[in-house]
Amino acid sequence: MEQREVYFSGMVQGVGFRYTAQRIASRYQVTGYVRNLPDGRVHLVAEGDPRELDQFIAEICQQMEGYIKSVDTRRLPATGQFARFFIKH
């Protein structure tokens, strides 16, 4: 199990990014959250099997590619702190 901390920048707020990420997450065995940041980026934290995480993040990037300028990803050990994937307000 692994944790991914991902920062998406570009035109990623106000375009349904968080809801798209949550909908996509429902098709994968991942937990964590997605939230908007005050600086205009979207912050995503997800935990799961590395292959599931790769596919989950790749699908977000594919569906939202017209809005994403850059993606910064960090790989960390999983913490097991999340029960589901949710939008954090």
N, C-alpha and C. Protein backbone atom coordinates (compact mmCIF):
# COMPACT_ATOMS: atom_id res chain seq x y z
N MET A 1 0.85 -1.18 0.00
CA MET A 1 0.00 0.00 0.00
C MET A 1 0.89 1.24 0.00
N GLU A 2 0.36 2.27 -0.62
CA GLU A 2 1.14 3.50 -0.80
C GLU A 2 0.20 4.70 -0.70
N GLN A 3 0.78 5.85 -0.40
CA GLN A 3 0.03 7.10 -0.43
C GLN A 3 0.61 7.97 -1.53
N ARG A 4 -0.27 8.65 -2.25
CA ARG A 4 0.16 9.63 -3.24
C ARG A 4 -0.40 10.99 -2.82
N GLU A 5 0.46 11.96 -2.80
CA GLU A 5 0.04 13.34 -2.56
C GLU A 5 0.28 14.06 -3.89
N VAL A 6 -0.82 14.58 -4.46
CA VAL A 6 -0.74 15.15 -5.81
C VAL A 6 -1.26 16.58 -5.78
N TYR A 7 -0.51 17.48 -6.40
CA TYR A 7 -0.93 18.87 -6.57
C TYR A 7 -1.15 19.12 -8.05
N PHE A 8 -2.38 19.48 -8.41
CA PHE A 8 -2.72 19.81 -9.78
C PHE A 8 -2.80 21.32 -9.90
N SER A 9 -2.14 21.88 -10.91
CA SER A 9 -2.25 23.31 -11.14
C SER A 9 -2.73 23.56 -12.56
N GLY A 10 -3.22 24.76 -12.77
CA GLY A 10 -3.81 25.15 -14.05
C GLY A 10 -5.17 25.77 -13.77
N MET A 11 -6.12 25.52 -14.67
CA MET A 11 -7.50 25.99 -14.48
C MET A 11 -8.29 24.84 -13.86
N VAL A 12 -7.95 24.51 -12.60
CA VAL A 12 -8.47 23.30 -11.97
C VAL A 12 -9.56 23.56 -10.92
N GLN A 13 -9.87 24.82 -10.66
CA GLN A 13 -10.96 25.11 -9.72
C GLN A 13 -12.13 25.70 -10.50
N GLY A 14 -13.34 25.34 -10.06
CA GLY A 14 -14.54 25.85 -10.70
C GLY A 14 -14.91 25.12 -11.98
N VAL A 15 -14.31 23.94 -12.19
CA VAL A 15 -14.58 23.17 -13.41
C VAL A 15 -15.05 21.75 -13.11
N GLY A 16 -15.43 21.48 -11.85
CA GLY A 16 -15.89 20.15 -11.47
C GLY A 16 -14.77 19.16 -11.21
N PHE A 17 -13.58 19.66 -10.97
CA PHE A 17 -12.41 18.78 -10.79
C PHE A 17 -12.59 17.85 -9.60
N ARG A 18 -12.97 18.39 -8.45
CA ARG A 18 -13.11 17.56 -7.24
C ARG A 18 -14.19 16.51 -7.40
N TYR A 19 -15.30 16.89 -8.03
CA TYR A 19 -16.40 15.94 -8.22
C TYR A 19 -16.02 14.86 -9.22
N THR A 20 -15.27 15.23 -10.23
CA THR A 20 -14.77 14.25 -11.20
C THR A 20 -13.83 13.27 -10.51
N ALA A 21 -12.92 13.79 -9.68
CA ALA A 21 -11.99 12.92 -8.95
C ALA A 21 -12.74 11.96 -8.04
N GLN A 22 -13.77 12.45 -7.36
CA GLN A 22 -14.54 11.60 -6.46
C GLN A 22 -15.29 10.51 -7.25
N ARG A 23 -15.85 10.89 -8.39
CA ARG A 23 -16.58 9.92 -9.23
C ARG A 23 -15.62 8.84 -9.74
N ILE A 24 -14.45 9.26 -10.20
CA ILE A 24 -13.46 8.31 -10.69
C ILE A 24 -12.99 7.40 -9.55
N ALA A 25 -12.78 7.95 -8.37
CA ALA A 25 -12.32 7.17 -7.22
C ALA A 25 -13.28 6.04 -6.88
N SER A 26 -14.57 6.23 -7.15
CA SER A 26 -15.55 5.18 -6.82
C SER A 26 -15.32 3.91 -7.63
N ARG A 27 -14.57 3.99 -8.71
CA ARG A 27 -14.28 2.82 -9.54
C ARG A 27 -12.97 2.13 -9.17
N TYR A 28 -12.27 2.66 -8.20
CA TYR A 28 -10.98 2.11 -7.79
C TYR A 28 -10.98 1.81 -6.29
N GLN A 29 -10.06 0.96 -5.89
CA GLN A 29 -9.89 0.64 -4.47
C GLN A 29 -8.92 1.66 -3.87
N VAL A 30 -9.38 2.90 -3.72
CA VAL A 30 -8.56 3.97 -3.16
C VAL A 30 -9.34 4.70 -2.09
N THR A 31 -8.62 5.27 -1.14
CA THR A 31 -9.21 6.12 -0.11
C THR A 31 -8.43 7.42 -0.08
N GLY A 32 -8.99 8.42 0.59
CA GLY A 32 -8.31 9.71 0.71
C GLY A 32 -9.26 10.86 0.47
N TYR A 33 -8.71 11.96 -0.05
CA TYR A 33 -9.55 13.14 -0.26
C TYR A 33 -8.99 14.02 -1.36
N VAL A 34 -9.82 14.94 -1.80
CA VAL A 34 -9.43 15.97 -2.76
C VAL A 34 -9.99 17.29 -2.24
N ARG A 35 -9.23 18.37 -2.40
CA ARG A 35 -9.68 19.68 -1.92
C ARG A 35 -9.05 20.80 -2.75
N ASN A 36 -9.73 21.94 -2.76
CA ASN A 36 -9.19 23.14 -3.39
C ASN A 36 -8.24 23.81 -2.40
N LEU A 37 -7.20 24.43 -2.94
CA LEU A 37 -6.27 25.21 -2.12
C LEU A 37 -6.47 26.70 -2.43
N PRO A 38 -6.19 27.57 -1.46
CA PRO A 38 -6.36 29.01 -1.67
C PRO A 38 -5.54 29.57 -2.83
N ASP A 39 -4.44 28.91 -3.20
CA ASP A 39 -3.59 29.42 -4.29
C ASP A 39 -4.06 28.99 -5.68
N GLY A 40 -5.22 28.32 -5.75
CA GLY A 40 -5.79 27.94 -7.05
C GLY A 40 -5.49 26.52 -7.48
N ARG A 41 -4.64 25.82 -6.74
CA ARG A 41 -4.35 24.42 -7.06
C ARG A 41 -5.40 23.50 -6.43
N VAL A 42 -5.38 22.25 -6.87
CA VAL A 42 -6.17 21.19 -6.24
C VAL A 42 -5.19 20.21 -5.62
N HIS A 43 -5.47 19.84 -4.38
CA HIS A 43 -4.63 18.91 -3.61
C HIS A 43 -5.38 17.60 -3.47
N LEU A 44 -4.74 16.50 -3.85
CA LEU A 44 -5.34 15.18 -3.74
C LEU A 44 -4.41 14.30 -2.92
N VAL A 45 -4.98 13.57 -1.96
CA VAL A 45 -4.26 12.57 -1.20
C VAL A 45 -5.01 11.27 -1.39
N ALA A 46 -4.33 10.24 -1.87
CA ALA A 46 -4.98 8.96 -2.10
C ALA A 46 -4.09 7.83 -1.62
N GLU A 47 -4.72 6.79 -1.07
CA GLU A 47 -4.00 5.62 -0.62
C GLU A 47 -4.59 4.38 -1.26
N GLY A 48 -3.72 3.43 -1.54
CA GLY A 48 -4.15 2.17 -2.12
C GLY A 48 -2.97 1.44 -2.72
N ASP A 49 -3.27 0.40 -3.48
CA ASP A 49 -2.25 -0.35 -4.20
C ASP A 49 -1.61 0.57 -5.25
N PRO A 50 -0.30 0.54 -5.39
CA PRO A 50 0.36 1.45 -6.35
C PRO A 50 -0.22 1.38 -7.76
N ARG A 51 -0.60 0.20 -8.23
CA ARG A 51 -1.17 0.09 -9.59
C ARG A 51 -2.54 0.76 -9.66
N GLU A 52 -3.34 0.59 -8.62
CA GLU A 52 -4.65 1.25 -8.56
C GLU A 52 -4.47 2.77 -8.56
N LEU A 53 -3.51 3.24 -7.78
CA LEU A 53 -3.24 4.68 -7.71
C LEU A 53 -2.78 5.21 -9.06
N ASP A 54 -1.90 4.47 -9.72
CA ASP A 54 -1.44 4.89 -11.05
C ASP A 54 -2.62 5.05 -12.01
N GLN A 55 -3.50 4.06 -12.03
CA GLN A 55 -4.65 4.10 -12.94
C GLN A 55 -5.63 5.20 -12.56
N PHE A 56 -5.88 5.38 -11.27
CA PHE A 56 -6.79 6.40 -10.77
C PHE A 56 -6.29 7.80 -11.17
N ILE A 57 -5.04 8.08 -10.90
CA ILE A 57 -4.49 9.40 -11.20
C ILE A 57 -4.40 9.62 -12.72
N ALA A 58 -4.05 8.57 -13.45
CA ALA A 58 -3.99 8.68 -14.91
C ALA A 58 -5.37 9.00 -15.49
N GLU A 59 -6.41 8.39 -14.94
CA GLU A 59 -7.76 8.66 -15.44
C GLU A 59 -8.18 10.09 -15.12
N ILE A 60 -7.85 10.60 -13.95
CA ILE A 60 -8.13 12.00 -13.63
C ILE A 60 -7.42 12.90 -14.64
N CYS A 61 -6.14 12.64 -14.88
CA CYS A 61 -5.36 13.45 -15.81
C CYS A 61 -5.95 13.40 -17.22
N GLN A 62 -6.43 12.24 -17.62
CA GLN A 62 -7.01 12.09 -18.95
C GLN A 62 -8.31 12.87 -19.07
N GLN A 63 -9.20 12.72 -18.08
CA GLN A 63 -10.50 13.38 -18.16
C GLN A 63 -10.42 14.89 -17.98
N MET A 64 -9.42 15.35 -17.24
CA MET A 64 -9.31 16.78 -16.94
C MET A 64 -8.13 17.44 -17.65
N GLU A 65 -7.60 16.78 -18.69
CA GLU A 65 -6.35 17.23 -19.32
C GLU A 65 -6.41 18.66 -19.85
N GLY A 66 -7.56 19.11 -20.30
CA GLY A 66 -7.67 20.46 -20.82
C GLY A 66 -7.53 21.54 -19.76
N TYR A 67 -7.64 21.16 -18.49
CA TYR A 67 -7.58 22.12 -17.38
C TYR A 67 -6.27 22.06 -16.62
N ILE A 68 -5.53 20.98 -16.75
CA ILE A 68 -4.32 20.77 -15.96
C ILE A 68 -3.10 21.32 -16.70
N LYS A 69 -2.35 22.17 -16.00
CA LYS A 69 -1.09 22.69 -16.55
C LYS A 69 0.09 21.85 -16.06
N SER A 70 0.08 21.49 -14.77
CA SER A 70 1.15 20.65 -14.23
C SER A 70 0.64 19.78 -13.09
N VAL A 71 1.34 18.69 -12.87
CA VAL A 71 1.01 17.72 -11.82
C VAL A 71 2.29 17.44 -11.04
N ASP A 72 2.23 17.65 -9.73
CA ASP A 72 3.37 17.38 -8.85
C ASP A 72 2.96 16.27 -7.90
N THR A 73 3.66 15.14 -7.95
CA THR A 73 3.28 13.96 -7.18
C THR A 73 4.39 13.54 -6.24
N ARG A 74 3.99 13.19 -5.02
CA ARG A 74 4.91 12.61 -4.03
C ARG A 74 4.40 11.24 -3.64
N ARG A 75 5.29 10.27 -3.54
CA ARG A 75 4.95 8.92 -3.08
C ARG A 75 5.39 8.78 -1.63
N LEU A 76 4.46 8.33 -0.80
CA LEU A 76 4.72 8.18 0.63
C LEU A 76 4.17 6.85 1.11
N PRO A 77 4.58 6.39 2.29
CA PRO A 77 3.98 5.17 2.84
C PRO A 77 2.51 5.44 3.19
N ALA A 78 1.68 4.44 3.00
CA ALA A 78 0.26 4.57 3.37
C ALA A 78 0.12 4.69 4.88
N THR A 79 -0.88 5.47 5.31
CA THR A 79 -1.12 5.65 6.74
C THR A 79 -2.32 4.85 7.22
N GLY A 80 -3.21 4.49 6.31
CA GLY A 80 -4.42 3.76 6.69
C GLY A 80 -5.45 4.62 7.40
N GLN A 81 -5.30 5.94 7.33
CA GLN A 81 -6.17 6.83 8.10
C GLN A 81 -7.52 7.11 7.45
N PHE A 82 -7.71 6.72 6.20
CA PHE A 82 -8.95 7.05 5.48
C PHE A 82 -9.81 5.82 5.29
N ALA A 83 -11.12 6.00 5.44
CA ALA A 83 -12.07 4.89 5.24
C ALA A 83 -12.68 4.92 3.84
N ARG A 84 -12.62 6.09 3.20
CA ARG A 84 -13.24 6.26 1.88
C ARG A 84 -12.54 7.41 1.18
N PHE A 85 -12.97 7.72 -0.05
CA PHE A 85 -12.45 8.87 -0.76
C PHE A 85 -13.52 9.95 -0.74
N PHE A 86 -13.16 11.18 -0.37
CA PHE A 86 -14.16 12.22 -0.19
C PHE A 86 -13.61 13.60 -0.60
N ILE A 87 -14.55 14.52 -0.77
CA ILE A 87 -14.19 15.92 -1.03
C ILE A 87 -14.05 16.60 0.31
N LYS A 88 -12.90 17.20 0.55
CA LYS A 88 -12.63 17.90 1.80
C LYS A 88 -12.89 19.39 1.56
N HIS A 89 -13.73 19.97 2.41
CA HIS A 89 -14.07 21.39 2.26
C HIS A 89 -13.32 22.22 3.29
